[in-house]
């Protein structure tokens, strides 16, 4: 199936317009809902190559692929409403020989997703390809905590495709003169990163060069899983059903937090996009944690711009390990399971964003500790 070049598609014009919230998690929804993977990446990284691979390879799964076609003249409000008979939601459904279906969204992403999950044949997964200039944060907000979709779909993960040959140039230019911000933001929001076009890296220095690239990526986003590929031919099991936003998938998150290597604490207030981690041994008050998060995410009280936030919390007077996740101003704090008797009950939170200060985050978080007096 021939698709348009990603460079010709306009930026995705979708965002959520409701306040940040904390909700209770329902494992029932996760069992019956269809996972949605957002595929993003800068212009020329290989997103269309990945989509074509999925649409043509024999994988035995019934996967729906949504290509966005939101025009610049379609405002945010219009992108989120039903245009009725005068405006088609999708251009067409295309049935493919390998069991996949493909569609082109014209106006309402929410409606298109609802149509997909209402189809008589059960879908195994949905992939949503964004444009090369799209910021995935607004999509994550819609798919993660949107009440209209909560019972039928779930945000599985954000997969970012990056160009191994040009990525270091993009990162350096961003640090020097803030060029290519979209490429950096797409890395920051990713759960999985496909390091594509490794076959184009100089063979005599390829291994060292790729190791350096992975180190650079993890300095921006230490929680992302990196997959090396040529022409985006990847094992689909590594990018589907990641359950990156599933509160019951706590074991994987704990492993990521254990492996996390934070930047040195001497680097107190770096203006670049980076990752840092804070820890606190004492139990914290849940209400105070919520207020603390809202000051950081909503009020920007400390001047930091947080893109992503993930962590485990030790809540006072609770035997439940709590999971914290945030995307921009949207957050949730939910119980995942009981603490095991052999576990060290601690708080550990990883932040990804701009202007992060470890001292400020650590000291302000300590105000959430309950007084023992």
Protein backbone atom coordinates (compact mmCIF):
# COMPACT_ATOMS: atom_id res chain seq x y z
CA UNK A 1 0.00 0.00 0.00
CA UNK A 2 1.44 3.38 -0.99
CA UNK A 3 1.30 6.16 1.59
CA UNK A 4 2.11 9.84 1.41
CA UNK A 5 5.55 11.00 2.48
CA UNK A 6 5.43 12.08 6.10
CA UNK A 7 7.03 15.43 5.20
CA UNK A 8 3.89 16.38 3.27
CA UNK A 9 1.52 15.83 6.17
CA UNK A 10 0.60 18.81 8.35
CA UNK A 11 1.20 18.78 12.13
CA UNK A 12 -1.29 16.85 14.24
CA UNK A 13 -3.85 19.25 15.73
CA UNK A 14 -5.28 17.40 18.69
CA UNK A 15 -5.12 18.13 22.38
CA UNK A 16 -7.21 17.62 25.48
CA UNK A 17 -8.92 20.58 27.08
CA UNK A 18 -9.75 19.31 30.55
CA UNK A 19 -7.87 19.91 33.82
CA UNK A 20 -5.29 17.51 35.15
CA UNK A 21 -6.73 14.81 37.30
CA UNK A 22 -6.05 11.85 39.56
CA UNK A 23 -8.23 8.80 39.06
CA UNK A 24 -8.77 5.32 40.39
CA UNK A 25 -7.42 2.55 38.21
CA UNK A 26 -9.70 -0.25 37.04
CA UNK A 27 -7.97 -3.45 35.98
CA UNK A 28 -11.22 -4.51 34.32
CA UNK A 29 -10.73 -1.90 31.63
CA UNK A 30 -7.24 -3.15 30.85
CA UNK A 31 -8.57 -6.65 30.27
CA UNK A 32 -11.23 -5.71 27.71
CA UNK A 33 -9.72 -2.67 26.01
CA UNK A 34 -7.60 -2.51 22.86
CA UNK A 35 -4.07 -1.13 23.18
CA UNK A 36 -3.07 1.96 21.17
CA UNK A 37 0.56 2.61 20.28
CA UNK A 38 1.50 6.11 19.15
CA UNK A 39 4.28 6.08 16.53
CA UNK A 40 6.20 9.32 16.31
CA UNK A 41 9.57 10.52 15.07
CA UNK A 42 11.20 13.44 13.30
CA UNK A 43 10.98 13.95 9.54
CA UNK A 44 12.80 11.22 7.65
CA UNK A 45 13.44 9.02 10.68
CA UNK A 46 11.52 6.10 9.20
CA UNK A 47 7.99 6.14 10.64
CA UNK A 48 6.41 5.37 7.28
CA UNK A 49 8.92 2.58 6.77
CA UNK A 50 7.84 1.07 10.10
CA UNK A 51 4.16 1.39 9.24
CA UNK A 52 4.68 -0.17 5.80
CA UNK A 53 6.58 -3.03 7.42
CA UNK A 54 3.71 -3.69 9.84
CA UNK A 55 1.12 -3.45 7.08
CA UNK A 56 2.90 -5.97 4.85
CA UNK A 57 4.69 -8.49 7.06
CA UNK A 58 2.90 -11.69 8.03
CA UNK A 59 2.62 -11.35 11.81
CA UNK A 60 -0.71 -13.09 12.43
CA UNK A 61 -2.21 -10.09 14.24
CA UNK A 62 -5.18 -7.95 13.30
CA UNK A 63 -3.72 -4.47 13.65
CA UNK A 64 -5.42 -1.22 12.69
CA UNK A 65 -3.15 1.61 11.53
CA UNK A 66 -4.46 5.17 11.66
CA UNK A 67 -2.76 7.82 9.54
CA UNK A 68 -3.62 11.37 10.60
CA UNK A 69 -4.61 13.95 8.01
CA UNK A 70 -5.55 16.90 10.20
CA UNK A 71 -5.17 20.11 8.23
CA UNK A 72 -3.75 23.30 9.70
CA UNK A 73 -7.10 25.00 9.10
CA UNK A 74 -8.79 22.49 11.41
CA UNK A 75 -8.50 24.03 14.87
CA UNK A 76 -8.16 22.16 18.14
CA UNK A 77 -11.87 22.50 18.91
CA UNK A 78 -12.96 21.18 15.54
CA UNK A 79 -10.55 18.28 15.76
CA UNK A 80 -12.35 17.07 18.87
CA UNK A 81 -16.02 17.38 17.77
CA UNK A 82 -18.40 15.48 15.54
CA UNK A 83 -18.94 17.29 12.26
CA UNK A 84 -22.00 15.19 11.45
CA UNK A 85 -22.83 14.17 7.91
CA UNK A 86 -20.96 17.10 6.39
CA UNK A 87 -17.59 15.91 7.63
CA UNK A 88 -16.39 12.34 7.35
CA UNK A 89 -14.43 10.99 10.27
CA UNK A 90 -12.25 8.77 8.15
CA UNK A 91 -11.52 8.76 4.45
CA UNK A 92 -11.59 5.01 4.02
CA UNK A 93 -10.99 1.64 5.60
CA UNK A 94 -8.55 -0.52 3.67
CA UNK A 95 -8.49 -4.25 4.36
CA UNK A 96 -5.06 -5.81 3.82
CA UNK A 97 -4.06 -9.37 3.03
CA UNK A 98 -2.11 -9.87 6.26
CA UNK A 99 -5.14 -9.09 8.45
CA UNK A 100 -4.37 -5.42 9.06
CA UNK A 101 -6.70 -2.56 8.29
CA UNK A 102 -5.65 0.99 7.47
CA UNK A 103 -7.56 4.25 7.68
CA UNK A 104 -6.99 7.98 7.27
CA UNK A 105 -8.43 10.22 9.98
CA UNK A 106 -9.91 13.47 8.73
CA UNK A 107 -11.48 15.16 11.72
CA UNK A 108 -12.16 13.41 15.03
CA UNK A 109 -9.57 11.01 16.38
CA UNK A 110 -11.88 9.96 19.21
CA UNK A 111 -14.65 9.01 16.79
CA UNK A 112 -12.27 7.09 14.55
CA UNK A 113 -11.05 5.07 17.51
CA UNK A 114 -14.60 4.39 18.64
CA UNK A 115 -15.48 3.16 15.15
CA UNK A 116 -12.49 0.84 15.15
CA UNK A 117 -13.27 -0.84 18.45
CA UNK A 118 -16.95 -1.26 17.48
CA UNK A 119 -16.06 -3.27 14.37
CA UNK A 120 -17.40 -6.80 14.51
CA UNK A 121 -14.00 -8.47 14.25
CA UNK A 122 -11.84 -8.10 17.34
CA UNK A 123 -8.68 -6.00 16.92
CA UNK A 124 -5.43 -7.06 18.51
CA UNK A 125 -3.92 -3.58 18.50
CA UNK A 126 -4.17 -0.05 17.08
CA UNK A 127 -1.24 2.00 15.79
CA UNK A 128 -1.52 5.75 15.40
CA UNK A 129 1.15 7.37 13.21
CA UNK A 130 1.72 11.06 13.82
CA UNK A 131 3.43 13.56 11.54
CA UNK A 132 7.13 14.29 11.84
CA UNK A 133 6.40 17.63 13.53
CA UNK A 134 3.90 16.33 16.08
CA UNK A 135 4.36 16.60 19.83
CA UNK A 136 2.97 13.35 21.28
CA UNK A 137 2.03 14.89 24.64
CA UNK A 138 -1.45 16.00 23.57
CA UNK A 139 -2.19 12.58 22.08
CA UNK A 140 -1.09 10.89 25.28
CA UNK A 141 -3.53 13.08 27.20
CA UNK A 142 -6.45 12.04 24.99
CA UNK A 143 -5.67 8.34 24.89
CA UNK A 144 -4.58 7.92 28.49
CA UNK A 145 -7.31 9.55 30.56
CA UNK A 146 -10.14 10.45 28.19
CA UNK A 147 -13.48 9.41 29.70
CA UNK A 148 -15.04 8.71 26.29
CA UNK A 149 -12.42 6.10 25.45
CA UNK A 150 -11.51 4.68 28.86
CA UNK A 151 -13.62 1.52 28.60
CA UNK A 152 -12.74 0.66 25.00
CA UNK A 153 -9.08 1.52 24.43
CA UNK A 154 -5.94 2.13 26.47
CA UNK A 155 -2.75 3.97 25.70
CA UNK A 156 -0.15 1.23 25.46
CA UNK A 157 3.03 3.21 24.72
CA UNK A 158 4.66 5.97 22.68
CA UNK A 159 7.19 4.64 20.18
CA UNK A 160 9.64 7.15 18.70
CA UNK A 161 11.69 6.36 15.58
CA UNK A 162 15.06 8.17 15.42
CA UNK A 163 17.64 8.39 12.63
CA UNK A 164 20.96 6.93 13.82
CA UNK A 165 22.88 8.74 11.09
CA UNK A 166 21.59 12.24 11.91
CA UNK A 167 20.51 12.05 15.54
CA UNK A 168 23.78 13.24 17.11
CA UNK A 169 23.79 16.28 14.81
CA UNK A 170 20.19 17.06 15.84
CA UNK A 171 20.99 16.72 19.55
CA UNK A 172 24.07 18.93 19.32
CA UNK A 173 22.24 21.58 17.30
CA UNK A 174 19.44 21.58 19.84
CA UNK A 175 21.91 22.12 22.68
CA UNK A 176 23.73 24.88 20.78
CA UNK A 177 20.92 26.89 19.21
CA UNK A 178 17.67 25.06 20.08
CA UNK A 179 17.26 23.65 16.57
CA UNK A 180 15.16 20.49 15.99
CA UNK A 181 13.14 20.80 19.25
CA UNK A 182 10.49 18.38 17.95
CA UNK A 183 13.06 15.61 17.61
CA UNK A 184 14.17 16.07 21.22
CA UNK A 185 10.64 16.30 22.58
CA UNK A 186 9.67 13.09 20.79
CA UNK A 187 12.56 11.33 22.53
CA UNK A 188 11.57 12.81 25.89
CA UNK A 189 8.00 11.48 25.68
CA UNK A 190 8.92 8.02 24.34
CA UNK A 191 8.50 4.71 26.14
CA UNK A 192 10.27 2.83 23.33
CA UNK A 193 12.84 4.31 20.92
CA UNK A 194 13.71 2.60 17.63
CA UNK A 195 17.26 3.57 16.73
CA UNK A 196 16.79 3.19 12.99
CA UNK A 197 19.19 3.25 10.01
CA UNK A 198 22.05 1.70 11.96
CA UNK A 199 23.24 0.25 8.65
CA UNK A 200 24.12 3.80 7.55
CA UNK A 201 26.47 4.43 10.48
CA UNK A 202 30.17 4.17 9.58
CA UNK A 203 31.04 0.42 9.80
CA UNK A 204 34.54 0.95 11.25
CA UNK A 205 33.13 2.85 14.23
CA UNK A 206 29.55 1.62 14.27
CA UNK A 207 29.47 -0.12 17.66
CA UNK A 208 31.13 2.76 19.53
CA UNK A 209 28.99 5.27 17.66
CA UNK A 210 25.76 3.43 18.46
CA UNK A 211 26.75 3.06 22.11
CA UNK A 212 27.36 6.81 22.23
CA UNK A 213 23.98 7.47 20.65
CA UNK A 214 22.23 5.31 23.21
CA UNK A 215 24.02 7.19 25.99
CA UNK A 216 22.89 10.51 24.50
CA UNK A 217 19.31 9.25 24.26
CA UNK A 218 19.31 8.06 27.87
CA UNK A 219 20.60 11.41 29.07
CA UNK A 220 17.39 12.88 27.66
CA UNK A 221 15.12 9.96 28.61
CA UNK A 222 16.62 7.27 30.80
CA UNK A 223 13.37 5.30 31.04
CA UNK A 224 13.00 4.55 27.33
CA UNK A 225 13.79 1.09 25.98
CA UNK A 226 16.03 1.35 22.90
CA UNK A 227 15.78 -1.06 19.94
CA UNK A 228 18.38 -0.97 17.16
CA UNK A 229 17.09 -1.54 13.65
CA UNK A 230 17.77 -1.26 9.93
CA UNK A 231 14.76 -0.24 7.83
CA UNK A 232 12.56 -0.52 10.95
CA UNK A 233 12.39 -4.30 10.79
CA UNK A 234 11.76 -4.95 14.47
CA UNK A 235 10.22 -7.71 16.53
CA UNK A 236 6.65 -6.47 16.99
CA UNK A 237 6.43 -8.06 20.43
CA UNK A 238 8.90 -5.41 21.59
CA UNK A 239 6.69 -2.49 20.57
CA UNK A 240 3.20 -3.91 21.15
CA UNK A 241 1.55 -4.58 24.52
CA UNK A 242 4.22 -2.68 26.46
CA UNK A 243 1.57 -1.51 28.96
CA UNK A 244 3.67 1.55 29.77
CA UNK A 245 0.65 3.32 31.31
CA UNK A 246 -0.76 0.30 33.13
CA UNK A 247 -0.59 0.71 36.91
CA UNK A 248 -0.59 -3.06 37.38
CA UNK A 249 2.59 -3.37 35.31
CA UNK A 250 4.64 -2.25 38.29
CA UNK A 251 7.45 -4.82 38.06
CA UNK A 252 8.73 -3.36 34.81
CA UNK A 253 8.63 0.17 36.20
CA UNK A 254 10.51 -0.86 39.33
CA UNK A 255 13.21 -2.48 37.19
CA UNK A 256 13.57 0.73 35.18
CA UNK A 257 13.86 2.78 38.35
CA UNK A 258 16.48 0.42 39.76
CA UNK A 259 18.56 0.67 36.59
CA UNK A 260 18.20 4.44 36.36
CA UNK A 261 21.44 6.39 36.45
CA UNK A 262 20.74 10.02 37.29
CA UNK A 263 22.87 12.91 36.07
CA UNK A 264 25.35 14.15 38.72
CA UNK A 265 23.75 16.24 41.46
CA UNK A 266 26.32 18.97 40.80
CA UNK A 267 24.43 19.72 37.58
CA UNK A 268 21.78 21.66 39.46
CA UNK A 269 19.79 23.59 36.90
CA UNK A 270 20.47 22.53 33.33
CA UNK A 271 18.34 24.28 30.71
CA UNK A 272 18.44 21.32 28.32
CA UNK A 273 15.96 18.44 28.19
CA UNK A 274 17.26 15.75 30.51
CA UNK A 275 16.38 13.10 33.09
CA UNK A 276 16.95 13.20 36.83
CA UNK A 277 15.81 11.12 39.78
CA UNK A 278 14.93 11.93 43.39
CA UNK A 279 14.60 9.53 46.34
CA UNK A 280 13.06 9.79 49.80
CA UNK A 281 13.00 6.99 52.36
CA UNK A 282 10.25 8.29 54.65
CA UNK A 283 6.57 7.68 53.94
CA UNK A 284 4.69 10.60 52.41
CA UNK A 285 1.20 12.00 52.74
CA UNK A 286 -0.86 11.37 49.58
CA UNK A 287 -2.75 14.67 49.73
CA UNK A 288 0.51 16.59 50.11
CA UNK A 289 1.98 14.71 47.14
CA UNK A 290 -0.98 15.76 45.00
CA UNK A 291 -0.57 19.40 46.00
CA UNK A 292 3.17 19.18 45.32
CA UNK A 293 2.56 17.73 41.87
CA UNK A 294 0.01 20.39 41.03
CA UNK A 295 2.43 23.14 42.05
CA UNK A 296 5.07 21.68 39.72
CA UNK A 297 2.87 20.60 36.79
CA UNK A 298 0.11 23.21 36.84
CA UNK A 299 1.45 26.30 38.59
CA UNK A 300 5.10 25.95 37.39
CA UNK A 301 5.96 27.20 40.89
CA UNK A 302 9.64 26.32 40.61
CA UNK A 303 10.10 27.34 36.97
CA UNK A 304 10.57 23.77 35.73
CA UNK A 305 8.94 22.37 32.60
CA UNK A 306 8.19 18.69 33.30
CA UNK A 307 7.39 16.54 30.26
CA UNK A 308 7.16 13.11 31.86
CA UNK A 309 7.22 11.83 35.40
CA UNK A 310 7.22 8.24 36.67
CA UNK A 311 7.76 6.81 40.11
CA UNK A 312 6.82 4.58 43.02
CA UNK A 313 5.51 6.03 46.28
CA UNK A 314 5.48 4.84 49.88
CA UNK A 315 2.25 6.32 51.21
CA UNK A 316 1.75 6.87 54.93
CA UNK A 317 -0.76 4.49 56.60
CA UNK A 318 -1.04 2.34 53.47
CA UNK A 319 0.30 -1.13 52.74
CA UNK A 320 -0.10 -0.47 48.99
CA UNK A 321 2.75 0.45 46.65
CA UNK A 322 1.51 3.47 44.69
CA UNK A 323 2.46 4.36 41.13
CA UNK A 324 2.89 7.96 39.99
CA UNK A 325 2.74 8.89 36.30
CA UNK A 326 2.43 12.26 34.62
CA UNK A 327 2.41 13.58 31.06
CA UNK A 328 2.62 17.36 31.04
CA UNK A 329 -0.20 18.59 33.33
CA UNK A 330 -2.09 15.28 33.39
CA UNK A 331 -1.18 12.94 36.24
CA UNK A 332 -2.41 9.96 38.22
CA UNK A 333 -1.43 8.38 41.52
CA UNK A 334 -2.89 4.90 41.96
CA UNK A 335 -2.29 1.85 44.16
CA UNK A 336 -0.67 -1.01 42.25
CA UNK A 337 -0.23 -3.83 44.75
CA UNK A 338 0.79 -4.56 48.33
CA UNK A 339 4.37 -3.96 49.39
CA UNK A 340 6.21 -7.24 49.86
CA UNK A 341 7.77 -7.94 53.25
CA UNK A 342 11.28 -8.12 51.76
CA UNK A 343 10.99 -4.80 49.90
CA UNK A 344 12.59 -1.53 50.91
CA UNK A 345 9.64 0.85 51.12
CA UNK A 346 10.89 4.02 49.48
CA UNK A 347 9.86 6.86 47.20
CA UNK A 348 11.67 7.11 43.87
CA UNK A 349 10.59 9.49 41.11
CA UNK A 350 12.14 10.13 37.70
CA UNK A 351 11.55 13.46 35.95
CA UNK A 352 12.11 14.24 32.27
CA UNK A 353 11.96 17.86 31.19
CA UNK A 354 13.46 21.36 30.91
CA UNK A 355 15.11 23.45 33.62
CA UNK A 356 15.08 20.62 36.13
CA UNK A 357 16.70 21.20 39.51
CA UNK A 358 17.44 18.15 41.64
CA UNK A 359 17.91 20.19 44.82
CA UNK A 360 14.60 22.00 44.39
CA UNK A 361 12.69 18.81 43.58
CA UNK A 362 14.25 16.90 46.47
CA UNK A 363 13.72 19.63 49.07
CA UNK A 364 10.18 20.43 47.98
CA UNK A 365 9.21 16.74 47.95
CA UNK A 366 10.38 16.40 51.57
CA UNK A 367 7.53 18.72 52.56
CA UNK A 368 5.23 15.79 51.72
CA UNK A 369 6.69 13.74 54.58
CA UNK A 370 4.33 13.61 57.53
CA UNK A 371 5.57 15.19 60.72
CA UNK A 372 6.29 12.66 63.45
CA UNK A 373 5.57 15.14 66.23
